[in-house]
Amino acid sequence: MEQEKAPHCPVCDGLLKPDFVFFGEPIPARAAQQALYHSIHADVYLIIGTTGVIVPASLLPYEARKSGAFIIEINPEKSEYTDRITDIYLQGNASEMLLELDKFLA
C-alpha cells in the first residue's frame, strides 16, 4: 500500500504539517533547550499520558525531579516514572483526572 504524501501549501509549496514533532523526527534545538530549562526550574511537574520510554523527551521529568520538583503523574496505567519519581499518581483518563485535580486545587 502506497503511503499518502503530506500536503503542500498552494502558495509557497512548503510542507503543511501541524506544529509538533512526529515520531522519528528530531526535536528542534530551541524547543529542546526551552523544555530542559523549564523542567529544571519547575516547582511542580505534570506527567500526563506517556509511558516514559521515548528518548530524549522521557529524560525531562528526571531533570525536574533532580532539581526538586514535585511530580504529579496522570496516566491510565503505570509508566516508567510511577514507582521511580512520581509523588502523586492519578490513575485514569487525563481529561477526567485534570478536572478532579482542578476541583482539589480550587
N, C-alpha and C. Protein backbone atom coordinates (compact mmCIF):
# COMPACT_ATOMS: atom_id res chain seq x y z
N MET A 1 0.84 -1.18 0.00
CA MET A 1 0.00 0.00 0.00
C MET A 1 0.88 1.24 0.00
N GLU A 2 0.66 2.13 -0.92
CA GLU A 2 1.47 3.34 -1.03
C GLU A 2 1.09 4.33 0.06
N GLN A 3 2.12 4.88 0.71
CA GLN A 3 1.89 5.85 1.78
C GLN A 3 1.46 7.18 1.19
N GLU A 4 0.47 7.82 1.83
CA GLU A 4 0.00 9.11 1.35
C GLU A 4 1.08 10.16 1.54
N LYS A 5 1.18 11.07 0.60
CA LYS A 5 2.15 12.15 0.71
C LYS A 5 1.53 13.30 1.49
N ALA A 6 2.39 14.00 2.25
CA ALA A 6 1.93 15.15 3.02
C ALA A 6 1.52 16.27 2.07
N PRO A 7 0.50 17.03 2.43
CA PRO A 7 0.06 18.12 1.55
C PRO A 7 1.06 19.27 1.53
N HIS A 8 1.04 20.02 0.45
CA HIS A 8 1.92 21.18 0.29
C HIS A 8 1.09 22.44 0.16
N CYS A 9 1.64 23.55 0.61
CA CYS A 9 0.99 24.85 0.53
C CYS A 9 0.82 25.25 -0.94
N PRO A 10 -0.39 25.65 -1.32
CA PRO A 10 -0.60 26.06 -2.71
C PRO A 10 0.10 27.37 -3.08
N VAL A 11 0.51 28.15 -2.07
CA VAL A 11 1.17 29.44 -2.33
C VAL A 11 2.68 29.28 -2.44
N CYS A 12 3.30 28.64 -1.41
CA CYS A 12 4.77 28.56 -1.39
C CYS A 12 5.29 27.15 -1.65
N ASP A 13 4.42 26.17 -1.73
CA ASP A 13 4.76 24.76 -1.93
C ASP A 13 5.49 24.15 -0.73
N GLY A 14 5.46 24.84 0.41
CA GLY A 14 6.06 24.28 1.62
C GLY A 14 5.21 23.15 2.18
N LEU A 15 5.83 22.29 2.95
CA LEU A 15 5.14 21.17 3.56
C LEU A 15 4.16 21.65 4.62
N LEU A 16 2.92 21.20 4.56
CA LEU A 16 1.91 21.54 5.55
C LEU A 16 1.86 20.43 6.60
N LYS A 17 2.12 20.79 7.83
CA LYS A 17 2.04 19.83 8.92
C LYS A 17 1.79 20.57 10.22
N PRO A 18 1.22 19.89 11.20
CA PRO A 18 0.97 20.54 12.49
C PRO A 18 2.28 20.90 13.17
N ASP A 19 2.19 21.82 14.14
CA ASP A 19 3.38 22.29 14.84
C ASP A 19 3.71 21.37 16.03
N PHE A 20 4.02 20.13 15.72
CA PHE A 20 4.52 19.20 16.73
C PHE A 20 5.46 18.22 16.06
N VAL A 21 6.20 17.50 16.87
CA VAL A 21 7.21 16.57 16.36
C VAL A 21 6.59 15.19 16.20
N PHE A 22 6.69 14.66 14.99
CA PHE A 22 6.23 13.30 14.73
C PHE A 22 7.27 12.30 15.21
N PHE A 23 6.83 11.07 15.48
CA PHE A 23 7.75 10.02 15.89
C PHE A 23 8.85 9.88 14.84
N GLY A 24 10.09 9.85 15.29
CA GLY A 24 11.22 9.69 14.39
C GLY A 24 11.83 11.01 13.94
N GLU A 25 11.14 12.13 14.18
CA GLU A 25 11.69 13.44 13.84
C GLU A 25 12.50 13.98 15.01
N PRO A 26 13.54 14.75 14.74
CA PRO A 26 14.29 15.35 15.85
C PRO A 26 13.50 16.51 16.46
N ILE A 27 13.71 16.72 17.76
CA ILE A 27 13.11 17.87 18.42
C ILE A 27 13.94 19.09 18.03
N PRO A 28 13.30 20.18 17.59
CA PRO A 28 14.07 21.39 17.26
C PRO A 28 14.92 21.84 18.46
N ALA A 29 16.13 22.27 18.19
CA ALA A 29 17.08 22.61 19.26
C ALA A 29 16.53 23.63 20.24
N ARG A 30 15.90 24.68 19.74
CA ARG A 30 15.36 25.72 20.64
C ARG A 30 14.27 25.14 21.55
N ALA A 31 13.40 24.31 21.01
CA ALA A 31 12.34 23.69 21.81
C ALA A 31 12.95 22.77 22.87
N ALA A 32 13.97 22.03 22.52
CA ALA A 32 14.63 21.14 23.47
C ALA A 32 15.28 21.93 24.60
N GLN A 33 15.93 23.03 24.27
CA GLN A 33 16.56 23.89 25.28
C GLN A 33 15.52 24.49 26.21
N GLN A 34 14.41 24.96 25.66
CA GLN A 34 13.35 25.55 26.48
C GLN A 34 12.72 24.49 27.39
N ALA A 35 12.50 23.30 26.86
CA ALA A 35 11.92 22.23 27.67
C ALA A 35 12.83 21.86 28.84
N LEU A 36 14.11 21.78 28.60
CA LEU A 36 15.06 21.48 29.67
C LEU A 36 15.08 22.61 30.70
N TYR A 37 15.13 23.84 30.23
CA TYR A 37 15.13 25.00 31.14
C TYR A 37 13.90 24.96 32.06
N HIS A 38 12.73 24.79 31.47
CA HIS A 38 11.50 24.79 32.26
C HIS A 38 11.41 23.57 33.18
N SER A 39 11.98 22.46 32.75
CA SER A 39 11.99 21.26 33.59
C SER A 39 12.83 21.46 34.84
N ILE A 40 14.00 22.05 34.68
CA ILE A 40 14.87 22.21 35.86
C ILE A 40 14.46 23.38 36.74
N HIS A 41 13.55 24.21 36.28
CA HIS A 41 13.07 25.35 37.08
C HIS A 41 11.64 25.16 37.59
N ALA A 42 11.06 24.00 37.38
CA ALA A 42 9.68 23.74 37.79
C ALA A 42 9.59 23.42 39.28
N ASP A 43 8.55 23.93 39.91
CA ASP A 43 8.25 23.56 41.30
C ASP A 43 7.36 22.31 41.32
N VAL A 44 6.41 22.27 40.38
CA VAL A 44 5.51 21.14 40.22
C VAL A 44 5.58 20.72 38.75
N TYR A 45 5.64 19.42 38.51
CA TYR A 45 5.81 18.90 37.15
C TYR A 45 4.71 17.89 36.89
N LEU A 46 3.93 18.11 35.85
CA LEU A 46 2.86 17.19 35.47
C LEU A 46 3.34 16.25 34.37
N ILE A 47 3.16 14.97 34.59
CA ILE A 47 3.42 13.96 33.58
C ILE A 47 2.05 13.41 33.19
N ILE A 48 1.67 13.58 31.93
CA ILE A 48 0.31 13.20 31.53
C ILE A 48 0.35 12.35 30.26
N GLY A 49 -0.18 11.14 30.36
CA GLY A 49 -0.41 10.30 29.20
C GLY A 49 0.82 9.85 28.44
N THR A 50 1.85 9.43 29.15
CA THR A 50 3.05 8.93 28.47
C THR A 50 3.57 7.69 29.18
N THR A 51 4.23 6.84 28.42
CA THR A 51 4.85 5.66 29.01
C THR A 51 6.21 5.98 29.61
N GLY A 52 6.81 7.07 29.14
CA GLY A 52 8.11 7.45 29.66
C GLY A 52 9.27 6.71 29.05
N VAL A 53 9.12 6.25 27.81
CA VAL A 53 10.20 5.47 27.21
C VAL A 53 10.81 6.12 25.96
N ILE A 54 10.24 7.17 25.43
CA ILE A 54 10.75 7.77 24.20
C ILE A 54 11.77 8.86 24.54
N VAL A 55 13.02 8.57 24.24
CA VAL A 55 14.13 9.49 24.49
C VAL A 55 14.22 10.47 23.32
N PRO A 56 14.51 11.73 23.52
CA PRO A 56 15.02 12.37 24.73
C PRO A 56 13.94 12.96 25.65
N ALA A 57 12.70 13.07 25.18
CA ALA A 57 11.66 13.69 26.00
C ALA A 57 11.47 12.97 27.33
N SER A 58 11.66 11.66 27.36
CA SER A 58 11.45 10.90 28.59
C SER A 58 12.45 11.25 29.69
N LEU A 59 13.52 11.93 29.35
CA LEU A 59 14.53 12.31 30.34
C LEU A 59 14.16 13.57 31.11
N LEU A 60 13.27 14.38 30.56
CA LEU A 60 12.93 15.67 31.18
C LEU A 60 12.34 15.54 32.58
N PRO A 61 11.41 14.63 32.84
CA PRO A 61 10.91 14.53 34.21
C PRO A 61 11.99 14.19 35.24
N TYR A 62 12.99 13.43 34.84
CA TYR A 62 14.09 13.12 35.75
C TYR A 62 14.89 14.39 36.08
N GLU A 63 15.05 15.26 35.10
CA GLU A 63 15.73 16.54 35.34
C GLU A 63 14.92 17.39 36.31
N ALA A 64 13.60 17.38 36.14
CA ALA A 64 12.73 18.13 37.06
C ALA A 64 12.88 17.59 38.48
N ARG A 65 12.86 16.28 38.62
CA ARG A 65 12.99 15.65 39.94
C ARG A 65 14.33 15.98 40.58
N LYS A 66 15.42 15.89 39.79
CA LYS A 66 16.75 16.20 40.32
C LYS A 66 16.81 17.63 40.84
N SER A 67 16.02 18.51 40.25
CA SER A 67 16.01 19.91 40.64
C SER A 67 14.99 20.20 41.74
N GLY A 68 14.32 19.18 42.24
CA GLY A 68 13.43 19.34 43.38
C GLY A 68 11.96 19.49 43.08
N ALA A 69 11.54 19.28 41.85
CA ALA A 69 10.13 19.43 41.51
C ALA A 69 9.29 18.33 42.15
N PHE A 70 8.07 18.69 42.49
CA PHE A 70 7.06 17.73 42.96
C PHE A 70 6.40 17.16 41.71
N ILE A 71 6.36 15.84 41.58
CA ILE A 71 5.90 15.20 40.35
C ILE A 71 4.49 14.62 40.53
N ILE A 72 3.57 15.06 39.66
CA ILE A 72 2.22 14.51 39.61
C ILE A 72 2.08 13.81 38.26
N GLU A 73 1.70 12.55 38.31
CA GLU A 73 1.53 11.78 37.08
C GLU A 73 0.07 11.40 36.90
N ILE A 74 -0.44 11.61 35.68
CA ILE A 74 -1.79 11.20 35.30
C ILE A 74 -1.66 10.26 34.12
N ASN A 75 -2.09 9.03 34.32
CA ASN A 75 -1.98 8.00 33.28
C ASN A 75 -3.00 6.91 33.54
N PRO A 76 -3.50 6.27 32.49
CA PRO A 76 -4.41 5.14 32.71
C PRO A 76 -3.70 3.92 33.29
N GLU A 77 -2.42 3.79 33.00
CA GLU A 77 -1.60 2.68 33.51
C GLU A 77 -0.29 3.25 34.03
N LYS A 78 0.35 2.52 34.92
CA LYS A 78 1.64 2.96 35.44
C LYS A 78 2.65 3.11 34.30
N SER A 79 3.58 4.03 34.49
CA SER A 79 4.61 4.29 33.48
C SER A 79 5.98 3.99 34.06
N GLU A 80 7.00 4.30 33.31
CA GLU A 80 8.38 4.17 33.78
C GLU A 80 8.66 5.10 34.96
N TYR A 81 7.86 6.14 35.11
CA TYR A 81 8.07 7.13 36.17
C TYR A 81 7.38 6.75 37.48
N THR A 82 6.29 6.04 37.40
CA THR A 82 5.38 5.87 38.53
C THR A 82 6.08 5.45 39.83
N ASP A 83 6.83 4.41 39.79
CA ASP A 83 7.47 3.91 41.01
C ASP A 83 8.88 4.46 41.22
N ARG A 84 9.32 5.33 40.32
CA ARG A 84 10.68 5.88 40.42
C ARG A 84 10.70 7.32 40.93
N ILE A 85 9.88 8.19 40.32
CA ILE A 85 9.97 9.61 40.67
C ILE A 85 8.63 10.28 40.96
N THR A 86 7.53 9.58 40.73
CA THR A 86 6.22 10.19 40.91
C THR A 86 5.87 10.34 42.39
N ASP A 87 5.42 11.54 42.76
CA ASP A 87 4.96 11.78 44.13
C ASP A 87 3.48 11.44 44.28
N ILE A 88 2.67 11.84 43.30
CA ILE A 88 1.24 11.52 43.30
C ILE A 88 0.91 10.91 41.95
N TYR A 89 0.31 9.72 41.99
CA TYR A 89 -0.12 9.03 40.77
C TYR A 89 -1.63 9.02 40.73
N LEU A 90 -2.20 9.64 39.70
CA LEU A 90 -3.64 9.65 39.49
C LEU A 90 -3.94 8.75 38.31
N GLN A 91 -4.52 7.59 38.61
CA GLN A 91 -4.78 6.62 37.55
C GLN A 91 -6.13 6.91 36.92
N GLY A 92 -6.09 7.14 35.60
CA GLY A 92 -7.32 7.38 34.87
C GLY A 92 -7.12 8.20 33.63
N ASN A 93 -8.23 8.56 33.03
CA ASN A 93 -8.28 9.37 31.82
C ASN A 93 -7.78 10.78 32.13
N ALA A 94 -6.94 11.33 31.27
CA ALA A 94 -6.34 12.64 31.51
C ALA A 94 -7.37 13.74 31.73
N SER A 95 -8.38 13.83 30.86
CA SER A 95 -9.35 14.92 31.00
C SER A 95 -10.14 14.80 32.29
N GLU A 96 -10.51 13.59 32.68
CA GLU A 96 -11.24 13.40 33.93
C GLU A 96 -10.37 13.69 35.15
N MET A 97 -9.14 13.22 35.13
CA MET A 97 -8.24 13.44 36.26
C MET A 97 -7.86 14.91 36.41
N LEU A 98 -7.70 15.61 35.28
CA LEU A 98 -7.39 17.04 35.35
C LEU A 98 -8.56 17.83 35.94
N LEU A 99 -9.78 17.44 35.62
CA LEU A 99 -10.95 18.09 36.22
C LEU A 99 -10.98 17.85 37.73
N GLU A 100 -10.66 16.64 38.16
CA GLU A 100 -10.62 16.33 39.59
C GLU A 100 -9.50 17.10 40.27
N LEU A 101 -8.35 17.18 39.64
CA LEU A 101 -7.23 17.93 40.20
C LEU A 101 -7.59 19.41 40.32
N ASP A 102 -8.26 19.94 39.32
CA ASP A 102 -8.69 21.34 39.35
C ASP A 102 -9.66 21.59 40.52
N LYS A 103 -10.59 20.66 40.74
CA LYS A 103 -11.53 20.79 41.88
C LYS A 103 -10.76 20.79 43.20
N PHE A 104 -9.77 19.92 43.30
CA PHE A 104 -8.97 19.81 44.51
C PHE A 104 -8.18 21.09 44.78
N LEU A 105 -7.66 21.69 43.73
CA LEU A 105 -6.82 22.88 43.89
C LEU A 105 -7.62 24.17 44.04
N ALA A 106 -8.90 24.14 43.66
CA ALA A 106 -9.72 25.35 43.72
C ALA A 106 -10.06 25.76 45.13
